[in-house]
């Protein structure tokens, strides 16, 4: 955590809350009620940026009903499902506040914690992240794998990603602007939040079970998410493949010397099929692992080389706060990758 902090006024600030939503019709009503109640108690201008990430249920209808009743609501309707990491990026790029909160709609992260995050920001921190003390409603296997994932990331990456921390956090405007300059297609947001630096601090909380609906993260998606994080912020797997190749080659060479020695000294014939199969399978498996790792990195290079926009917006319905800031010429995140997406519809 850095000790250099920025000066933030105690009052007269604006706050954006970015909420990615994918098939969340069951929970959005209760989520908005609790979030609105929290914002009503705070002395700031506020907006709520809902990002519909290609939902297939009635999420958009629910969002339209919420926006009709609350002028603070902004809706970013993406053209299809791009995934949560890109949905979060879209929300950040369409936010207008001096500080931006990122929170999921499933109510596992309590909106009532927002004032505590804002209080830390008012003391000059650019990245105030919520750290989980308790993870209710999750299986023991998911808790264990999450525990070790963060610790593996800490050990293999030069970027120190806070442990037991998700996307629930507050970012200052300059942190949001910095994130807007990172153009990669493969976006591991937890890593990007840490990569930009700036003063950061944790606020601990107990995570609740999901309020309603079903989680969108099965174990296959979590595995790919972990792979994304590791390959995005370290080349350690490639180094491990190199070391493994050196070790296997060394063992094979020593075994060859041993076999030749026994044959010359004792006249023993070379062992046949079993030993040959073991060595062949060992070398073949090692080669396939190394080629697979190279393929993962090469595939990411291929995707980045295309230079495609991160996403496209179907409809953008701005909040009153966004309209006021846009009219005043407020600086938003640069939009070189998707020109015109910030134009209100």
Protein backbone atom coordinates (compact mmCIF):
# COMPACT_ATOMS: atom_id res chain seq x y z
CA UNK A 1 0.00 0.00 0.00
CA UNK A 2 1.41 3.37 -0.99
CA UNK A 3 1.67 6.21 1.53
CA UNK A 4 1.29 9.04 -0.98
CA UNK A 5 -2.30 10.21 -1.01
CA UNK A 6 -4.29 12.79 -2.90
CA UNK A 7 -6.33 15.59 -1.38
CA UNK A 8 -10.08 15.01 -1.68
CA UNK A 9 -12.73 17.49 -0.48
CA UNK A 10 -15.00 16.23 2.29
CA UNK A 11 -18.20 17.39 0.61
CA UNK A 12 -19.53 18.49 -2.77
CA UNK A 13 -18.49 15.36 -4.62
CA UNK A 14 -20.29 13.12 -7.10
CA UNK A 15 -20.46 9.34 -6.93
CA UNK A 16 -21.07 6.73 -9.64
CA UNK A 17 -22.04 3.16 -8.85
CA UNK A 18 -21.29 0.68 -11.65
CA UNK A 19 -23.39 -2.50 -11.59
CA UNK A 20 -22.77 -5.23 -14.24
CA UNK A 21 -25.88 -7.36 -14.73
CA UNK A 22 -26.34 -10.61 -16.61
CA UNK A 23 -29.68 -12.41 -16.14
CA UNK A 24 -30.35 -10.74 -12.78
CA UNK A 25 -34.10 -10.11 -13.00
CA UNK A 26 -34.79 -11.84 -9.65
CA UNK A 27 -32.50 -9.64 -7.59
CA UNK A 28 -32.40 -6.22 -9.26
CA UNK A 29 -35.48 -4.83 -7.49
CA UNK A 30 -34.22 -5.56 -3.98
CA UNK A 31 -30.67 -4.56 -4.91
CA UNK A 32 -31.78 -1.17 -6.19
CA UNK A 33 -33.97 -0.58 -3.15
CA UNK A 34 -31.04 -1.14 -0.77
CA UNK A 35 -28.59 0.79 -2.94
CA UNK A 36 -30.95 3.76 -3.35
CA UNK A 37 -31.60 3.78 0.38
CA UNK A 38 -27.86 3.94 1.03
CA UNK A 39 -27.29 6.73 -1.49
CA UNK A 40 -30.23 8.73 -0.08
CA UNK A 41 -28.41 8.90 3.23
CA UNK A 42 -25.23 10.31 1.67
CA UNK A 43 -24.63 14.00 0.98
CA UNK A 44 -23.47 13.71 -2.60
CA UNK A 45 -24.67 13.73 -6.18
CA UNK A 46 -25.01 10.15 -7.34
CA UNK A 47 -25.71 8.01 -10.37
CA UNK A 48 -26.16 4.27 -10.79
CA UNK A 49 -24.74 2.83 -14.02
CA UNK A 50 -26.35 -0.52 -14.79
CA UNK A 51 -24.54 -2.46 -17.54
CA UNK A 52 -26.74 -5.08 -19.21
CA UNK A 53 -24.27 -7.66 -20.46
CA UNK A 54 -26.47 -9.34 -23.09
CA UNK A 55 -29.03 -10.72 -20.62
CA UNK A 56 -31.52 -13.24 -21.99
CA UNK A 57 -34.20 -12.80 -19.34
CA UNK A 58 -36.21 -9.71 -18.38
CA UNK A 59 -33.26 -7.80 -16.96
CA UNK A 60 -33.64 -4.92 -19.43
CA UNK A 61 -37.36 -4.56 -18.69
CA UNK A 62 -36.61 -4.42 -14.97
CA UNK A 63 -33.88 -1.84 -15.55
CA UNK A 64 -36.21 0.36 -17.62
CA UNK A 65 -38.78 0.25 -14.83
CA UNK A 66 -36.12 1.19 -12.29
CA UNK A 67 -34.85 4.07 -14.44
CA UNK A 68 -38.38 5.39 -14.97
CA UNK A 69 -38.70 5.74 -11.18
CA UNK A 70 -35.18 7.00 -10.42
CA UNK A 71 -33.47 9.70 -12.55
CA UNK A 72 -30.11 8.74 -11.05
CA UNK A 73 -30.10 5.54 -13.11
CA UNK A 74 -28.06 5.15 -16.28
CA UNK A 75 -28.33 2.07 -18.52
CA UNK A 76 -25.57 0.77 -20.76
CA UNK A 77 -27.03 -2.02 -22.90
CA UNK A 78 -24.22 -3.93 -24.60
CA UNK A 79 -24.82 -5.41 -28.05
CA UNK A 80 -24.22 -8.97 -26.75
CA UNK A 81 -22.71 -10.82 -23.82
CA UNK A 82 -19.05 -9.79 -23.57
CA UNK A 83 -18.35 -11.12 -20.07
CA UNK A 84 -18.18 -9.47 -16.68
CA UNK A 85 -14.66 -8.05 -17.03
CA UNK A 86 -15.59 -6.09 -20.15
CA UNK A 87 -18.99 -5.13 -18.69
CA UNK A 88 -17.16 -3.57 -15.73
CA UNK A 89 -14.90 -1.70 -18.16
CA UNK A 90 -17.93 -0.43 -20.07
CA UNK A 91 -19.50 0.80 -16.84
CA UNK A 92 -16.34 2.63 -15.82
CA UNK A 93 -16.11 4.28 -19.22
CA UNK A 94 -19.70 5.52 -18.95
CA UNK A 95 -19.43 6.80 -15.38
CA UNK A 96 -19.37 10.48 -14.50
CA UNK A 97 -18.62 10.67 -10.77
CA UNK A 98 -15.57 11.94 -8.93
CA UNK A 99 -15.44 8.47 -7.39
CA UNK A 100 -16.75 5.22 -8.85
CA UNK A 101 -18.02 2.21 -6.92
CA UNK A 102 -18.04 -1.24 -8.58
CA UNK A 103 -20.51 -3.72 -7.07
CA UNK A 104 -22.33 -6.86 -8.22
CA UNK A 105 -26.12 -6.99 -8.28
CA UNK A 106 -26.46 -10.31 -6.41
CA UNK A 107 -26.28 -8.63 -2.96
CA UNK A 108 -23.38 -10.77 -1.81
CA UNK A 109 -21.57 -7.45 -1.47
CA UNK A 110 -23.66 -5.14 0.77
CA UNK A 111 -24.43 -1.67 -0.63
CA UNK A 112 -24.48 -0.46 2.98
CA UNK A 113 -20.65 -0.65 2.96
CA UNK A 114 -20.39 2.14 0.38
CA UNK A 115 -20.16 5.01 2.95
CA UNK A 116 -17.16 3.27 4.55
CA UNK A 117 -15.44 3.06 1.15
CA UNK A 118 -16.18 6.73 0.48
CA UNK A 119 -14.78 7.70 3.89
CA UNK A 120 -11.43 6.11 3.00
CA UNK A 121 -11.43 7.86 -0.38
CA UNK A 122 -12.04 11.17 1.37
CA UNK A 123 -8.82 10.53 3.25
CA UNK A 124 -6.98 10.47 -0.08
CA UNK A 125 -6.97 6.85 -1.26
CA UNK A 126 -7.55 6.18 -4.96
CA UNK A 127 -8.34 2.47 -4.68
CA UNK A 128 -10.45 1.38 -1.70
CA UNK A 129 -11.12 -2.34 -2.03
CA UNK A 130 -13.48 -4.45 0.05
CA UNK A 131 -11.71 -7.48 1.54
CA UNK A 132 -13.80 -10.52 2.51
CA UNK A 133 -13.50 -11.86 6.04
CA UNK A 134 -16.30 -14.41 5.62
CA UNK A 135 -17.68 -15.97 2.39
CA UNK A 136 -21.14 -17.31 3.26
CA UNK A 137 -23.15 -19.32 0.74
CA UNK A 138 -20.11 -20.76 -1.07
CA UNK A 139 -18.93 -24.36 -1.15
CA UNK A 140 -15.82 -25.44 0.73
CA UNK A 141 -14.17 -26.36 -2.58
CA UNK A 142 -14.71 -22.88 -4.01
CA UNK A 143 -13.39 -21.27 -0.83
CA UNK A 144 -10.26 -23.42 -0.87
CA UNK A 145 -9.52 -22.89 -4.56
CA UNK A 146 -10.09 -19.14 -4.23
CA UNK A 147 -7.78 -19.06 -1.20
CA UNK A 148 -4.93 -20.76 -3.04
CA UNK A 149 -5.52 -18.91 -6.32
CA UNK A 150 -4.80 -15.55 -4.72
CA UNK A 151 -1.72 -16.92 -3.02
CA UNK A 152 -0.41 -18.48 -6.24
CA UNK A 153 -0.92 -15.14 -7.99
CA UNK A 154 1.03 -13.41 -5.23
CA UNK A 155 3.93 -15.83 -5.62
CA UNK A 156 4.27 -15.84 -9.42
CA UNK A 157 3.34 -12.27 -10.34
CA UNK A 158 5.31 -9.08 -9.86
CA UNK A 159 1.99 -7.29 -9.27
CA UNK A 160 0.70 -7.75 -5.74
CA UNK A 161 -3.01 -8.48 -6.03
CA UNK A 162 -4.83 -8.18 -2.68
CA UNK A 163 -5.96 -11.52 -1.31
CA UNK A 164 -9.63 -12.41 -0.77
CA UNK A 165 -10.72 -9.37 -2.76
CA UNK A 166 -13.18 -9.17 -5.64
CA UNK A 167 -14.38 -6.33 -7.83
CA UNK A 168 -16.27 -4.56 -5.01
CA UNK A 169 -14.29 -1.36 -4.54
CA UNK A 170 -14.11 2.40 -4.96
CA UNK A 171 -11.89 4.04 -7.56
CA UNK A 172 -11.04 7.71 -7.82
CA UNK A 173 -11.57 9.55 -11.10
CA UNK A 174 -7.86 9.54 -11.88
CA UNK A 175 -7.73 5.77 -11.28
CA UNK A 176 -10.66 5.33 -13.68
CA UNK A 177 -8.92 7.49 -16.28
CA UNK A 178 -5.76 5.41 -15.88
CA UNK A 179 -7.70 2.17 -16.41
CA UNK A 180 -9.21 3.66 -19.57
CA UNK A 181 -5.74 3.75 -21.12
CA UNK A 182 -5.24 -0.01 -20.78
CA UNK A 183 -6.36 -1.47 -24.08
CA UNK A 184 -5.89 -5.23 -23.74
CA UNK A 185 -8.64 -7.59 -24.82
CA UNK A 186 -7.94 -10.16 -22.11
CA UNK A 187 -8.89 -8.18 -19.06
CA UNK A 188 -8.26 -9.56 -15.59
CA UNK A 189 -9.68 -6.57 -13.74
CA UNK A 190 -8.36 -7.50 -10.29
CA UNK A 191 -4.88 -7.44 -11.75
CA UNK A 192 -5.48 -4.18 -13.64
CA UNK A 193 -6.77 -2.49 -10.49
CA UNK A 194 -3.47 -3.37 -8.80
CA UNK A 195 -1.29 -2.65 -11.86
CA UNK A 196 -2.18 1.05 -12.09
CA UNK A 197 -0.84 1.61 -8.60
CA UNK A 198 -1.95 4.72 -6.65
CA UNK A 199 -2.64 4.74 -2.90
CA UNK A 200 -4.89 1.85 -1.89
CA UNK A 201 -6.40 0.48 1.29
CA UNK A 202 -8.69 -2.37 2.34
CA UNK A 203 -12.05 -2.28 4.11
CA UNK A 204 -12.99 -5.65 5.58
CA UNK A 205 -16.52 -7.05 5.52
CA UNK A 206 -18.51 -10.27 5.75
CA UNK A 207 -19.78 -11.48 2.39
CA UNK A 208 -23.41 -12.62 2.31
CA UNK A 209 -24.98 -15.49 0.35
CA UNK A 210 -26.53 -14.66 -3.00
CA UNK A 211 -29.96 -13.01 -2.48
CA UNK A 212 -31.76 -14.72 -5.39
CA UNK A 213 -31.12 -16.41 -8.73
CA UNK A 214 -28.15 -18.59 -9.59
CA UNK A 215 -24.47 -17.85 -9.85
CA UNK A 216 -23.06 -17.44 -13.38
CA UNK A 217 -19.71 -18.86 -12.34
CA UNK A 218 -19.41 -22.64 -12.63
CA UNK A 219 -16.12 -24.39 -12.00
CA UNK A 220 -15.17 -24.47 -15.69
CA UNK A 221 -15.60 -20.70 -15.95
CA UNK A 222 -13.66 -20.21 -12.72
CA UNK A 223 -10.82 -22.35 -14.10
CA UNK A 224 -10.67 -20.25 -17.29
CA UNK A 225 -10.86 -17.10 -15.18
CA UNK A 226 -7.89 -18.27 -13.11
CA UNK A 227 -5.98 -19.14 -16.29
CA UNK A 228 -6.76 -15.67 -17.64
CA UNK A 229 -5.40 -14.05 -14.51
CA UNK A 230 -2.20 -16.06 -14.44
CA UNK A 231 -1.37 -15.63 -18.14
CA UNK A 232 -2.26 -11.92 -18.07
CA UNK A 233 0.19 -10.95 -15.36
CA UNK A 234 3.07 -13.39 -15.40
CA UNK A 235 5.15 -15.53 -17.74
CA UNK A 236 5.95 -17.91 -14.88
CA UNK A 237 4.20 -20.87 -16.63
CA UNK A 238 6.59 -20.51 -19.56
CA UNK A 239 9.55 -20.48 -17.21
CA UNK A 240 8.21 -23.55 -15.42
CA UNK A 241 7.87 -25.32 -18.79
CA UNK A 242 11.49 -24.45 -19.54
CA UNK A 243 12.70 -25.74 -16.18
CA UNK A 244 10.59 -28.89 -16.58
CA UNK A 245 12.10 -29.50 -20.01
CA UNK A 246 15.62 -29.09 -18.63
CA UNK A 247 14.91 -31.47 -15.75
CA UNK A 248 13.32 -34.11 -17.99
CA UNK A 249 16.16 -33.86 -20.49
CA UNK A 250 18.70 -34.19 -17.66
CA UNK A 251 16.98 -37.25 -16.23
CA UNK A 252 16.72 -38.82 -19.68
CA UNK A 253 20.44 -38.20 -20.29
CA UNK A 254 21.43 -39.73 -16.95
CA UNK A 255 19.22 -42.74 -17.59
CA UNK A 256 20.83 -43.18 -21.01
CA UNK A 257 24.32 -43.10 -19.42
CA UNK A 258 23.19 -45.63 -16.81
CA UNK A 259 21.78 -47.96 -19.47
CA UNK A 260 24.96 -47.79 -21.59
CA UNK A 261 27.11 -48.40 -18.52
CA UNK A 262 25.17 -51.54 -17.51
CA UNK A 263 25.28 -52.88 -21.05
CA UNK A 264 29.05 -52.39 -21.40
CA UNK A 265 30.03 -53.55 -17.91
CA UNK A 266 27.60 -56.38 -17.26
CA UNK A 267 26.46 -57.28 -20.71
CA UNK A 268 22.83 -56.65 -19.81
CA UNK A 269 20.57 -56.08 -22.72
CA UNK A 270 18.64 -52.85 -22.94
CA UNK A 271 15.28 -53.13 -21.22
CA UNK A 272 12.50 -53.22 -23.71
CA UNK A 273 8.91 -52.13 -23.98
CA UNK A 274 8.01 -50.97 -20.42
CA UNK A 275 10.96 -48.63 -19.92
CA UNK A 276 10.66 -47.34 -23.48
CA UNK A 277 6.97 -46.51 -23.00
CA UNK A 278 7.62 -44.72 -19.69
CA UNK A 279 10.29 -42.50 -21.20
CA UNK A 280 8.26 -41.86 -24.35
CA UNK A 281 5.11 -40.92 -22.43
CA UNK A 282 7.08 -38.73 -20.02
CA UNK A 283 8.77 -36.80 -22.79
CA UNK A 284 5.61 -36.63 -24.88
CA UNK A 285 3.53 -35.35 -21.96
CA UNK A 286 6.11 -32.73 -21.07
CA UNK A 287 6.22 -31.54 -24.68
CA UNK A 288 2.43 -31.30 -24.87
CA UNK A 289 2.29 -29.26 -21.66
CA UNK A 290 4.94 -26.87 -22.97
CA UNK A 291 3.22 -26.55 -26.35
CA UNK A 292 -0.11 -25.93 -24.61
CA UNK A 293 1.38 -23.12 -22.54
CA UNK A 294 2.91 -21.58 -25.65
CA UNK A 295 -0.49 -21.85 -27.35
CA UNK A 296 -2.21 -20.00 -24.50
CA UNK A 297 0.18 -17.06 -24.77
CA UNK A 298 0.24 -17.14 -28.56
CA UNK A 299 -3.57 -17.10 -28.67
CA UNK A 300 -3.59 -13.99 -26.51
CA UNK A 301 -1.07 -12.29 -28.77
CA UNK A 302 -3.27 -13.19 -31.75
CA UNK A 303 -6.37 -11.68 -30.12
CA UNK A 304 -4.54 -8.50 -29.13
CA UNK A 305 -3.08 -8.08 -32.63
CA UNK A 306 -6.57 -7.75 -34.14
CA UNK A 307 -7.13 -4.42 -32.43
CA UNK A 308 -10.89 -4.92 -32.09
CA UNK A 309 -12.99 -2.68 -29.83
CA UNK A 310 -13.68 -4.12 -26.40
CA UNK A 311 -17.44 -3.93 -26.87
CA UNK A 312 -20.29 -2.22 -28.69
CA UNK A 313 -23.19 -0.44 -27.07
CA UNK A 314 -26.72 -1.15 -28.25
CA UNK A 315 -28.37 1.64 -26.23
CA UNK A 316 -26.97 4.12 -23.74
CA UNK A 317 -29.50 5.91 -21.53
CA UNK A 318 -27.60 8.45 -19.41
CA UNK A 319 -28.46 9.60 -15.92
CA UNK A 320 -29.11 13.21 -15.01
CA UNK A 321 -25.65 13.46 -13.48
CA UNK A 322 -24.04 12.20 -16.68
CA UNK A 323 -25.98 14.74 -18.76
CA UNK A 324 -24.91 17.59 -16.49
CA UNK A 325 -21.25 16.58 -16.55
CA UNK A 326 -21.30 16.02 -20.31
CA UNK A 327 -22.83 19.48 -20.81
CA UNK A 328 -20.11 20.97 -18.62
CA UNK A 329 -17.39 19.29 -20.70
CA UNK A 330 -16.37 16.80 -18.00
CA UNK A 331 -13.42 14.58 -18.90
CA UNK A 332 -14.50 10.97 -19.27
CA UNK A 333 -12.34 7.94 -19.99
CA UNK A 334 -10.69 8.11 -23.47
CA UNK A 335 -12.72 6.17 -26.04
CA UNK A 336 -10.26 5.55 -28.87
CA UNK A 337 -11.26 1.88 -29.05
CA UNK A 338 -14.97 2.49 -29.63
CA UNK A 339 -15.58 6.03 -30.97
CA UNK A 340 -18.97 7.52 -30.32
CA UNK A 341 -20.08 5.08 -27.62
CA UNK A 342 -20.47 7.87 -25.08
CA UNK A 343 -23.01 9.71 -27.21
CA UNK A 344 -26.34 9.65 -25.34
CA UNK A 345 -29.15 7.96 -27.22
